[in-house]
C-alpha cells in the first residue's frame, strides 16, 4: 500500500521563502502547531490516501485526462480551516489561477471516480497549508496574526506540472516523493 495525493509543488525559492516567513510568524504565536517543511510546500488538488501500489498507474492515467497549458497562480490571503476564530489548518490562498486549478482537479476527480475512488467531501478551496494547529488555547495572538496578514501575498508560481506524490509518514514528519508527473501541454 502507498499513501498518495495529487499536487502542484511550490518550488520557486523566493516564494518558498515568503511562505516560510509567514509560517514562522504563525509558529511564533506560541500556539502548539506542526509547521509544513519548506520542501513540502504544495497545493493539494486531491488527497487520495492509502491505495494498493498497483493503482499508481491507473491514477496516473486519470491524471493525464487533465490537459492544461502553463498558467500563473498568485498565492495571496492568509486564512484557516474551519474558521479564523477556530483555526485547525493555517494556509495561504490562491487568488489568480484558482479556476484553472479547479478545472484540473475536477477533470482528475472524474477519472478517479471511474476507478472507484470515493469523491472528497466539501468544496475544493485551492491553498498551500502552512501549519496544523495541535492544541487549542491562548489563540488571541494567532487570530491577530491571521487577521492582520489576511491580505499577505507570497508571490506567483507558474504551474508547469501536476504530480502524484507519495507521503511517507515518519516520526519527524512526512517525506514526499514524486511517483508520476503530468506536464503542461505546449
N, C-alpha and C. Protein backbone atom coordinates (compact mmCIF):
# COMPACT_ATOMS: atom_id res chain seq x y z
N UNK A 1 0.84 -1.19 0.00
CA UNK A 1 0.00 0.00 0.00
C UNK A 1 0.88 1.25 0.00
N UNK A 2 0.41 2.29 -0.68
CA UNK A 2 1.10 3.57 -0.67
C UNK A 2 0.07 4.66 -0.35
N UNK A 3 0.52 5.68 0.37
CA UNK A 3 -0.33 6.82 0.73
C UNK A 3 -0.02 7.92 -0.27
N UNK A 4 -1.03 8.34 -1.05
CA UNK A 4 -0.76 9.25 -2.16
C UNK A 4 -1.71 10.45 -2.20
N UNK A 5 -1.26 11.48 -2.89
CA UNK A 5 -2.08 12.66 -3.16
C UNK A 5 -1.59 13.29 -4.46
N UNK A 6 -2.42 14.16 -5.04
CA UNK A 6 -2.09 14.83 -6.29
C UNK A 6 -1.91 16.32 -5.98
N UNK A 7 -0.80 16.90 -6.46
CA UNK A 7 -0.47 18.26 -6.05
C UNK A 7 0.32 19.03 -7.09
N UNK A 8 0.36 20.33 -6.85
CA UNK A 8 1.26 21.24 -7.56
C UNK A 8 2.31 21.66 -6.53
N UNK A 9 3.56 21.31 -6.78
CA UNK A 9 4.64 21.68 -5.85
C UNK A 9 4.98 23.16 -5.98
N UNK A 10 5.32 23.77 -4.86
CA UNK A 10 5.81 25.15 -4.84
C UNK A 10 7.34 25.06 -4.75
N UNK A 11 8.00 25.41 -5.85
CA UNK A 11 9.45 25.21 -5.91
C UNK A 11 10.25 26.51 -6.04
N UNK A 12 9.61 27.59 -6.39
CA UNK A 12 10.32 28.86 -6.54
C UNK A 12 10.90 29.25 -5.18
N UNK A 13 12.24 29.37 -5.06
CA UNK A 13 12.85 29.65 -3.76
C UNK A 13 12.40 30.96 -3.13
N UNK A 14 12.11 31.98 -3.94
CA UNK A 14 11.65 33.26 -3.39
C UNK A 14 10.27 33.09 -2.76
N UNK A 15 9.37 32.40 -3.46
CA UNK A 15 8.02 32.17 -2.95
C UNK A 15 8.07 31.27 -1.71
N UNK A 16 8.86 30.21 -1.77
CA UNK A 16 9.00 29.32 -0.61
C UNK A 16 9.53 30.12 0.59
N UNK A 17 10.46 31.02 0.35
CA UNK A 17 11.00 31.86 1.43
C UNK A 17 9.92 32.73 2.06
N UNK A 18 9.05 33.31 1.23
CA UNK A 18 7.96 34.14 1.76
C UNK A 18 6.95 33.29 2.53
N UNK A 19 6.65 32.10 2.01
CA UNK A 19 5.74 31.20 2.72
C UNK A 19 6.33 30.79 4.06
N UNK A 20 7.63 30.48 4.06
CA UNK A 20 8.31 30.09 5.29
C UNK A 20 8.31 31.24 6.30
N UNK A 21 8.47 32.46 5.81
CA UNK A 21 8.49 33.63 6.69
C UNK A 21 7.15 33.82 7.41
N UNK A 22 6.06 33.72 6.66
CA UNK A 22 4.75 33.90 7.29
C UNK A 22 4.42 32.69 8.17
N UNK A 23 4.84 31.49 7.75
CA UNK A 23 4.65 30.29 8.57
C UNK A 23 5.37 30.46 9.91
N UNK A 24 6.61 30.95 9.86
CA UNK A 24 7.38 31.12 11.09
C UNK A 24 6.74 32.17 12.00
N UNK A 25 6.12 33.18 11.40
CA UNK A 25 5.41 34.18 12.21
C UNK A 25 4.22 33.52 12.91
N UNK A 26 3.52 32.64 12.21
CA UNK A 26 2.39 31.93 12.82
C UNK A 26 2.87 31.04 13.96
N UNK A 27 3.98 30.35 13.75
CA UNK A 27 4.56 29.47 14.78
C UNK A 27 4.95 30.30 16.00
N UNK A 28 5.43 31.53 15.78
CA UNK A 28 5.87 32.39 16.89
C UNK A 28 4.72 32.84 17.78
N UNK A 29 3.48 32.56 17.37
CA UNK A 29 2.31 32.94 18.18
C UNK A 29 2.29 32.18 19.51
N UNK A 30 3.03 31.07 19.57
CA UNK A 30 3.06 30.28 20.79
C UNK A 30 2.01 29.19 20.84
N UNK A 31 1.09 29.17 19.88
CA UNK A 31 0.08 28.10 19.82
C UNK A 31 0.77 26.83 19.30
N UNK A 32 0.58 25.69 19.98
CA UNK A 32 1.22 24.46 19.50
C UNK A 32 0.73 24.09 18.10
N UNK A 33 1.68 23.94 17.18
CA UNK A 33 1.33 23.58 15.80
C UNK A 33 2.46 22.81 15.15
N UNK A 34 2.11 22.10 14.07
CA UNK A 34 3.09 21.37 13.27
C UNK A 34 3.26 22.13 11.97
N UNK A 35 4.40 22.83 11.81
CA UNK A 35 4.62 23.58 10.57
C UNK A 35 4.96 22.65 9.41
N UNK A 36 4.59 23.07 8.20
CA UNK A 36 4.96 22.34 6.99
C UNK A 36 6.40 22.72 6.64
N UNK A 37 7.21 21.72 6.36
CA UNK A 37 8.62 21.96 5.99
C UNK A 37 8.68 22.69 4.64
N UNK A 38 9.72 23.50 4.47
CA UNK A 38 9.88 24.28 3.23
C UNK A 38 9.75 23.39 1.98
N UNK A 39 10.44 22.25 1.98
CA UNK A 39 10.47 21.38 0.80
C UNK A 39 9.13 20.67 0.56
N UNK A 40 8.19 20.77 1.50
CA UNK A 40 6.90 20.10 1.36
C UNK A 40 5.76 21.05 0.98
N UNK A 41 6.07 22.30 0.66
CA UNK A 41 5.03 23.28 0.31
C UNK A 41 4.41 22.90 -1.04
N UNK A 42 3.07 22.83 -1.06
CA UNK A 42 2.38 22.44 -2.28
C UNK A 42 0.91 22.84 -2.20
N UNK A 43 0.24 22.79 -3.34
CA UNK A 43 -1.21 22.96 -3.42
C UNK A 43 -1.77 21.56 -3.67
N UNK A 44 -2.51 21.03 -2.72
CA UNK A 44 -3.11 19.71 -2.91
C UNK A 44 -4.34 19.85 -3.80
N UNK A 45 -4.34 19.09 -4.89
CA UNK A 45 -5.52 19.05 -5.75
C UNK A 45 -6.47 17.95 -5.29
N UNK A 46 -5.89 16.84 -4.80
CA UNK A 46 -6.74 15.74 -4.34
C UNK A 46 -5.94 14.83 -3.42
N UNK A 47 -6.37 14.70 -2.16
CA UNK A 47 -5.78 13.72 -1.26
C UNK A 47 -6.49 12.40 -1.54
N UNK A 48 -5.75 11.35 -1.78
CA UNK A 48 -6.34 10.05 -2.10
C UNK A 48 -6.25 9.11 -0.90
N UNK A 49 -5.08 9.06 -0.26
CA UNK A 49 -4.90 8.16 0.88
C UNK A 49 -4.24 6.86 0.47
N UNK A 50 -4.48 5.83 1.26
CA UNK A 50 -3.84 4.53 1.05
C UNK A 50 -4.48 3.79 -0.13
N UNK A 51 -3.65 3.40 -1.07
CA UNK A 51 -4.11 2.58 -2.21
C UNK A 51 -3.08 1.49 -2.47
N UNK A 52 -3.50 0.40 -3.11
CA UNK A 52 -2.51 -0.60 -3.50
C UNK A 52 -1.51 0.01 -4.49
N UNK A 53 -0.26 -0.36 -4.38
CA UNK A 53 0.77 0.17 -5.28
C UNK A 53 0.40 -0.05 -6.74
N UNK A 54 -0.33 -1.13 -7.00
CA UNK A 54 -0.74 -1.44 -8.38
C UNK A 54 -1.68 -0.39 -8.97
N UNK A 55 -2.29 0.46 -8.13
CA UNK A 55 -3.20 1.50 -8.63
C UNK A 55 -2.49 2.77 -9.09
N UNK A 56 -1.21 2.89 -8.80
CA UNK A 56 -0.47 4.11 -9.14
C UNK A 56 -0.60 4.44 -10.63
N UNK A 57 -0.42 3.45 -11.49
CA UNK A 57 -0.50 3.71 -12.93
C UNK A 57 -1.93 4.07 -13.36
N UNK A 58 -2.94 3.48 -12.73
CA UNK A 58 -4.33 3.82 -13.06
C UNK A 58 -4.64 5.26 -12.66
N UNK A 59 -4.13 5.67 -11.51
CA UNK A 59 -4.32 7.06 -11.06
C UNK A 59 -3.62 8.01 -12.03
N UNK A 60 -2.42 7.62 -12.45
CA UNK A 60 -1.66 8.42 -13.42
C UNK A 60 -2.46 8.59 -14.72
N UNK A 61 -3.10 7.52 -15.18
CA UNK A 61 -3.91 7.61 -16.39
C UNK A 61 -5.07 8.60 -16.19
N UNK A 62 -5.68 8.57 -15.01
CA UNK A 62 -6.76 9.52 -14.71
C UNK A 62 -6.23 10.96 -14.70
N UNK A 63 -5.02 11.14 -14.18
CA UNK A 63 -4.41 12.47 -14.15
C UNK A 63 -4.17 12.99 -15.57
N UNK A 64 -3.80 12.12 -16.48
CA UNK A 64 -3.47 12.54 -17.84
C UNK A 64 -4.67 13.10 -18.60
N UNK A 65 -5.87 12.87 -18.08
CA UNK A 65 -7.07 13.44 -18.71
C UNK A 65 -7.10 14.96 -18.56
N UNK A 66 -6.40 15.48 -17.56
CA UNK A 66 -6.41 16.92 -17.26
C UNK A 66 -5.34 17.63 -18.07
N UNK A 67 -5.64 17.88 -19.30
CA UNK A 67 -4.68 18.59 -20.16
C UNK A 67 -4.79 20.09 -19.86
N UNK A 68 -3.63 20.72 -19.70
CA UNK A 68 -3.63 22.15 -19.38
C UNK A 68 -2.36 22.79 -19.92
N UNK A 69 -2.47 24.09 -20.19
CA UNK A 69 -1.30 24.88 -20.59
C UNK A 69 -0.73 25.50 -19.32
N UNK A 70 0.55 25.85 -19.37
CA UNK A 70 1.18 26.57 -18.26
C UNK A 70 0.31 27.75 -17.87
N UNK A 71 0.20 28.00 -16.57
CA UNK A 71 -0.55 29.17 -16.11
C UNK A 71 0.04 29.66 -14.80
N UNK A 72 -0.35 30.88 -14.43
CA UNK A 72 0.20 31.52 -13.24
C UNK A 72 -0.81 31.42 -12.09
N UNK A 73 -0.30 31.12 -10.90
CA UNK A 73 -1.12 31.21 -9.69
C UNK A 73 -0.50 32.29 -8.81
N UNK A 74 -1.36 33.07 -8.18
CA UNK A 74 -0.92 34.08 -7.22
C UNK A 74 -1.33 33.60 -5.83
N UNK A 75 -0.33 33.43 -4.96
CA UNK A 75 -0.59 32.97 -3.60
C UNK A 75 -0.82 34.18 -2.71
N UNK A 76 -2.07 34.33 -2.28
CA UNK A 76 -2.42 35.52 -1.52
C UNK A 76 -3.58 35.21 -0.58
N UNK A 77 -3.49 35.76 0.62
CA UNK A 77 -4.60 35.68 1.56
C UNK A 77 -4.40 34.62 2.62
N UNK A 78 -4.03 35.04 3.81
CA UNK A 78 -3.86 34.12 4.93
C UNK A 78 -5.23 33.74 5.47
N UNK A 79 -5.40 32.47 5.78
CA UNK A 79 -6.68 32.00 6.30
C UNK A 79 -6.52 30.75 7.13
N UNK A 80 -7.66 30.19 7.55
CA UNK A 80 -7.65 29.00 8.39
C UNK A 80 -8.92 28.18 8.17
N UNK A 81 -8.79 26.88 8.27
CA UNK A 81 -9.94 25.98 8.30
C UNK A 81 -10.10 25.50 9.72
N UNK A 82 -11.29 25.35 10.30
CA UNK A 82 -12.55 25.67 9.65
C UNK A 82 -12.83 27.18 9.61
N UNK A 83 -12.33 27.93 10.60
CA UNK A 83 -12.50 29.40 10.59
C UNK A 83 -11.28 30.03 11.25
N UNK A 84 -11.13 31.35 11.05
CA UNK A 84 -10.02 32.07 11.69
C UNK A 84 -10.20 32.06 13.21
N UNK A 85 -11.43 32.10 13.68
CA UNK A 85 -11.68 32.10 15.13
C UNK A 85 -11.39 30.73 15.76
N UNK A 86 -11.52 29.66 14.96
CA UNK A 86 -11.24 28.30 15.46
C UNK A 86 -10.29 27.59 14.50
N UNK A 87 -9.06 28.08 14.40
CA UNK A 87 -8.15 27.55 13.37
C UNK A 87 -7.62 26.15 13.69
N UNK A 88 -7.62 25.30 12.69
CA UNK A 88 -7.01 23.97 12.76
C UNK A 88 -5.91 23.83 11.70
N UNK A 89 -6.22 24.31 10.49
CA UNK A 89 -5.25 24.29 9.38
C UNK A 89 -5.02 25.74 8.97
N UNK A 90 -3.76 26.16 8.97
CA UNK A 90 -3.39 27.53 8.60
C UNK A 90 -2.85 27.51 7.18
N UNK A 91 -3.34 28.42 6.35
CA UNK A 91 -3.00 28.36 4.94
C UNK A 91 -2.90 29.74 4.29
N UNK A 92 -2.33 29.72 3.08
CA UNK A 92 -2.37 30.90 2.22
C UNK A 92 -3.15 30.47 0.98
N UNK A 93 -4.04 31.35 0.54
CA UNK A 93 -4.93 31.00 -0.55
C UNK A 93 -4.33 31.22 -1.92
N UNK A 94 -5.11 30.84 -2.92
CA UNK A 94 -4.74 31.04 -4.32
C UNK A 94 -5.73 32.04 -4.88
N UNK A 95 -5.21 33.19 -5.30
CA UNK A 95 -6.07 34.23 -5.84
C UNK A 95 -6.20 34.03 -7.36
N UNK A 96 -5.15 34.32 -8.09
CA UNK A 96 -5.15 34.12 -9.53
C UNK A 96 -4.82 32.64 -9.82
N UNK A 97 -5.49 32.06 -10.79
CA UNK A 97 -5.22 30.66 -11.16
C UNK A 97 -6.10 29.65 -10.45
N UNK A 98 -6.94 30.10 -9.54
CA UNK A 98 -7.79 29.17 -8.77
C UNK A 98 -8.76 28.43 -9.68
N UNK A 99 -9.35 29.12 -10.66
CA UNK A 99 -10.31 28.47 -11.55
C UNK A 99 -9.65 27.38 -12.38
N UNK A 100 -8.43 27.64 -12.86
CA UNK A 100 -7.71 26.63 -13.64
C UNK A 100 -7.39 25.42 -12.76
N UNK A 101 -6.98 25.66 -11.52
CA UNK A 101 -6.72 24.54 -10.60
C UNK A 101 -7.99 23.73 -10.37
N UNK A 102 -9.13 24.41 -10.22
CA UNK A 102 -10.42 23.71 -10.03
C UNK A 102 -10.75 22.86 -11.24
N UNK A 103 -10.53 23.40 -12.44
CA UNK A 103 -10.82 22.65 -13.66
C UNK A 103 -9.97 21.39 -13.73
N UNK A 104 -8.67 21.52 -13.46
CA UNK A 104 -7.76 20.37 -13.47
C UNK A 104 -8.22 19.34 -12.44
N UNK A 105 -8.52 19.82 -11.24
CA UNK A 105 -8.94 18.93 -10.17
C UNK A 105 -10.23 18.21 -10.52
N UNK A 106 -11.21 18.93 -11.08
CA UNK A 106 -12.49 18.32 -11.43
C UNK A 106 -12.33 17.24 -12.50
N UNK A 107 -11.45 17.49 -13.47
CA UNK A 107 -11.19 16.50 -14.52
C UNK A 107 -10.55 15.26 -13.91
N UNK A 108 -9.56 15.45 -13.05
CA UNK A 108 -8.92 14.31 -12.38
C UNK A 108 -9.92 13.58 -11.51
N UNK A 109 -10.74 14.32 -10.78
CA UNK A 109 -11.76 13.72 -9.90
C UNK A 109 -12.68 12.79 -10.68
N UNK A 110 -13.11 13.21 -11.87
CA UNK A 110 -13.98 12.37 -12.69
C UNK A 110 -13.28 11.06 -13.05
N UNK A 111 -12.00 11.15 -13.38
CA UNK A 111 -11.22 9.94 -13.69
C UNK A 111 -11.05 9.03 -12.49
N UNK A 112 -10.85 9.63 -11.31
CA UNK A 112 -10.68 8.84 -10.09
C UNK A 112 -11.98 8.13 -9.71
N UNK A 113 -13.11 8.79 -9.95
CA UNK A 113 -14.41 8.15 -9.67
C UNK A 113 -14.59 6.90 -10.51
N UNK A 114 -14.15 6.97 -11.79
CA UNK A 114 -14.26 5.80 -12.66
C UNK A 114 -13.40 4.64 -12.15
N UNK A 115 -12.39 4.97 -11.36
CA UNK A 115 -11.54 3.91 -10.75
C UNK A 115 -12.18 3.37 -9.47
N UNK A 116 -13.30 3.97 -9.06
CA UNK A 116 -13.98 3.51 -7.85
C UNK A 116 -13.55 4.24 -6.59
N UNK A 117 -12.77 5.31 -6.73
CA UNK A 117 -12.36 6.08 -5.55
C UNK A 117 -13.48 7.05 -5.18
N UNK A 118 -13.78 7.11 -3.90
CA UNK A 118 -14.85 7.99 -3.43
C UNK A 118 -14.44 9.45 -3.57
N UNK A 119 -15.41 10.30 -3.95
CA UNK A 119 -15.09 11.73 -4.05
C UNK A 119 -14.83 12.33 -2.68
N UNK A 120 -14.02 13.39 -2.66
CA UNK A 120 -13.78 14.11 -1.41
C UNK A 120 -15.04 14.86 -1.02
N UNK A 121 -15.23 15.00 0.28
CA UNK A 121 -16.37 15.79 0.77
C UNK A 121 -15.97 17.26 0.80
N UNK A 122 -16.95 18.10 0.64
CA UNK A 122 -16.70 19.54 0.75
C UNK A 122 -16.22 20.15 -0.56
N UNK A 123 -16.23 21.45 -0.57
CA UNK A 123 -15.83 22.23 -1.74
C UNK A 123 -14.30 22.33 -1.80
N UNK A 124 -13.75 22.26 -2.99
CA UNK A 124 -12.30 22.38 -3.17
C UNK A 124 -11.91 23.85 -3.10
N UNK A 125 -11.05 24.18 -2.15
CA UNK A 125 -10.53 25.54 -2.00
C UNK A 125 -9.01 25.46 -2.16
N UNK A 126 -8.49 25.91 -3.31
CA UNK A 126 -7.04 25.83 -3.53
C UNK A 126 -6.28 26.65 -2.49
N UNK A 127 -5.25 26.03 -1.90
CA UNK A 127 -4.46 26.70 -0.86
C UNK A 127 -3.15 25.96 -0.65
N UNK A 128 -2.23 26.62 0.04
CA UNK A 128 -0.98 26.00 0.49
C UNK A 128 -1.06 25.92 2.01
N UNK A 129 -1.04 24.72 2.55
CA UNK A 129 -1.06 24.56 4.01
C UNK A 129 0.29 24.99 4.56
N UNK A 130 0.26 25.85 5.60
CA UNK A 130 1.48 26.33 6.24
C UNK A 130 1.75 25.60 7.56
N UNK A 131 0.68 25.25 8.28
CA UNK A 131 0.83 24.57 9.58
C UNK A 131 -0.51 24.00 10.00
N UNK A 132 -0.45 23.02 10.91
CA UNK A 132 -1.65 22.43 11.51
C UNK A 132 -1.60 22.67 13.01
N UNK A 133 -2.67 23.26 13.52
CA UNK A 133 -2.74 23.56 14.96
C UNK A 133 -2.93 22.25 15.71
N UNK A 134 -2.11 22.05 16.75
CA UNK A 134 -2.12 20.80 17.51
C UNK A 134 -2.94 20.88 18.79
N UNK A 135 -3.07 22.05 19.35
CA UNK A 135 -3.83 22.19 20.60
C UNK A 135 -4.45 23.58 20.67
N UNK A 136 -5.60 23.64 21.30
CA UNK A 136 -6.26 24.93 21.45
C UNK A 136 -5.78 25.61 22.74
N UNK A 137 -6.07 26.87 22.84
CA UNK A 137 -5.65 27.64 24.00
C UNK A 137 -4.95 28.90 23.54
N UNK A 138 -4.93 29.91 24.28
CA UNK A 138 -4.27 31.18 24.00
C UNK A 138 -4.18 31.49 22.50
N UNK A 139 -5.33 31.55 21.89
CA UNK A 139 -5.40 31.76 20.44
C UNK A 139 -5.35 33.23 20.03
N UNK A 140 -5.45 34.13 20.99
CA UNK A 140 -5.58 35.55 20.65
C UNK A 140 -4.49 36.04 19.71
N UNK A 141 -3.25 35.71 20.03
CA UNK A 141 -2.12 36.20 19.21
C UNK A 141 -2.17 35.60 17.80
N UNK A 142 -2.49 34.31 17.71
CA UNK A 142 -2.59 33.65 16.40
C UNK A 142 -3.71 34.28 15.58
N UNK A 143 -4.87 34.48 16.18
CA UNK A 143 -6.01 35.09 15.48
C UNK A 143 -5.65 36.50 15.03
N UNK A 144 -4.90 37.24 15.85
CA UNK A 144 -4.47 38.60 15.50
C UNK A 144 -3.55 38.56 14.26
N UNK A 145 -2.61 37.61 14.22
CA UNK A 145 -1.70 37.48 13.07
C UNK A 145 -2.51 37.13 11.81
N UNK A 146 -3.41 36.16 11.94
CA UNK A 146 -4.23 35.75 10.79
C UNK A 146 -5.05 36.92 10.25
N UNK A 147 -5.58 37.72 11.16
CA UNK A 147 -6.40 38.86 10.76
C UNK A 147 -5.54 39.97 10.14
N UNK A 148 -4.42 40.26 10.80
CA UNK A 148 -3.55 41.34 10.33
C UNK A 148 -2.95 41.03 8.96
N UNK A 149 -2.66 39.76 8.69
CA UNK A 149 -2.00 39.38 7.44
C UNK A 149 -2.95 38.69 6.46
N UNK A 150 -4.25 38.95 6.59
CA UNK A 150 -5.22 38.26 5.72
C UNK A 150 -5.01 38.56 4.24
N UNK A 151 -4.33 39.68 3.91
CA UNK A 151 -4.05 40.02 2.52
C UNK A 151 -2.59 39.76 2.13
N UNK A 152 -1.87 38.99 2.95
CA UNK A 152 -0.46 38.70 2.69
C UNK A 152 -0.31 38.05 1.32
N UNK A 153 0.67 38.52 0.57
CA UNK A 153 0.93 37.96 -0.75
C UNK A 153 2.32 37.34 -0.78
N UNK A 154 2.36 36.06 -1.15
CA UNK A 154 3.64 35.34 -1.20
C UNK A 154 4.26 35.36 -2.58
N UNK A 155 3.49 35.76 -3.59
CA UNK A 155 4.04 35.83 -4.94
C UNK A 155 3.32 34.92 -5.91
N UNK A 156 3.91 34.79 -7.09
CA UNK A 156 3.29 33.98 -8.14
C UNK A 156 4.13 32.74 -8.43
N UNK A 157 3.43 31.70 -8.85
CA UNK A 157 4.07 30.44 -9.21
C UNK A 157 3.52 30.04 -10.57
N UNK A 158 4.40 29.65 -11.48
CA UNK A 158 3.96 29.15 -12.78
C UNK A 158 3.73 27.66 -12.63
N UNK A 159 2.51 27.23 -12.95
CA UNK A 159 2.16 25.81 -12.86
C UNK A 159 2.58 25.16 -14.18
N UNK A 160 3.60 24.33 -14.08
CA UNK A 160 4.14 23.65 -15.26
C UNK A 160 3.84 22.15 -15.24
N UNK A 161 3.43 21.64 -14.06
CA UNK A 161 3.13 20.21 -13.97
C UNK A 161 2.26 19.93 -12.76
N UNK A 162 1.63 18.77 -12.79
CA UNK A 162 0.85 18.25 -11.67
C UNK A 162 1.47 16.90 -11.34
N UNK A 163 1.64 16.64 -10.05
CA UNK A 163 2.37 15.43 -9.64
C UNK A 163 1.55 14.52 -8.73
N UNK A 164 1.75 13.24 -8.92
CA UNK A 164 1.24 12.24 -7.99
C UNK A 164 2.35 12.02 -6.97
N UNK A 165 2.05 12.32 -5.71
CA UNK A 165 3.06 12.28 -4.66
C UNK A 165 2.76 11.15 -3.68
N UNK A 166 3.80 10.51 -3.22
CA UNK A 166 3.68 9.56 -2.12
C UNK A 166 4.03 10.28 -0.83
N UNK A 167 3.25 10.04 0.20
CA UNK A 167 3.51 10.61 1.52
C UNK A 167 3.98 9.48 2.43
N UNK A 168 5.24 9.54 2.81
CA UNK A 168 5.82 8.53 3.70
C UNK A 168 5.85 9.15 5.09
N UNK A 169 5.04 8.61 5.99
CA UNK A 169 4.95 9.18 7.34
C UNK A 169 6.11 8.69 8.20
N UNK A 170 6.79 9.65 8.85
CA UNK A 170 7.89 9.32 9.75
C UNK A 170 7.67 10.09 11.05
N UNK A 171 8.35 9.69 12.14
CA UNK A 171 8.21 10.43 13.40
C UNK A 171 8.59 11.91 13.29
N UNK A 172 9.47 12.25 12.34
CA UNK A 172 9.90 13.65 12.17
C UNK A 172 9.00 14.42 11.22
N UNK A 173 7.99 13.76 10.66
CA UNK A 173 7.10 14.40 9.70
C UNK A 173 7.10 13.66 8.38
N UNK A 174 6.21 14.03 7.48
CA UNK A 174 6.11 13.31 6.21
C UNK A 174 7.26 13.61 5.26
N UNK A 175 7.58 12.61 4.47
CA UNK A 175 8.53 12.77 3.37
C UNK A 175 7.72 12.55 2.10
N UNK A 176 7.80 13.51 1.18
CA UNK A 176 7.04 13.42 -0.06
C UNK A 176 7.96 13.00 -1.21
N UNK A 177 7.47 12.07 -2.00
CA UNK A 177 8.24 11.55 -3.13
C UNK A 177 7.34 11.60 -4.37
N UNK A 178 7.84 12.15 -5.46
CA UNK A 178 7.07 12.19 -6.70
C UNK A 178 7.08 10.82 -7.36
N UNK A 179 5.88 10.28 -7.63
CA UNK A 179 5.75 8.98 -8.28
C UNK A 179 5.51 9.13 -9.78
N UNK A 180 4.66 10.11 -10.15
CA UNK A 180 4.34 10.36 -11.55
C UNK A 180 4.13 11.86 -11.72
N UNK A 181 4.23 12.31 -12.97
CA UNK A 181 4.07 13.74 -13.24
C UNK A 181 3.44 13.93 -14.61
N UNK A 182 2.47 14.87 -14.67
CA UNK A 182 1.93 15.25 -15.98
C UNK A 182 2.36 16.70 -16.26
N UNK A 183 3.06 16.91 -17.35
CA UNK A 183 3.49 18.28 -17.68
C UNK A 183 2.38 19.04 -18.39
N UNK A 184 2.49 20.36 -18.35
CA UNK A 184 1.59 21.21 -19.14
C UNK A 184 1.84 20.93 -20.60
N UNK A 185 0.78 21.07 -21.41
CA UNK A 185 0.95 20.87 -22.85
C UNK A 185 1.53 22.15 -23.45
N UNK A 186 2.33 22.00 -24.47
CA UNK A 186 2.96 23.16 -25.09
C UNK A 186 2.29 23.55 -26.38
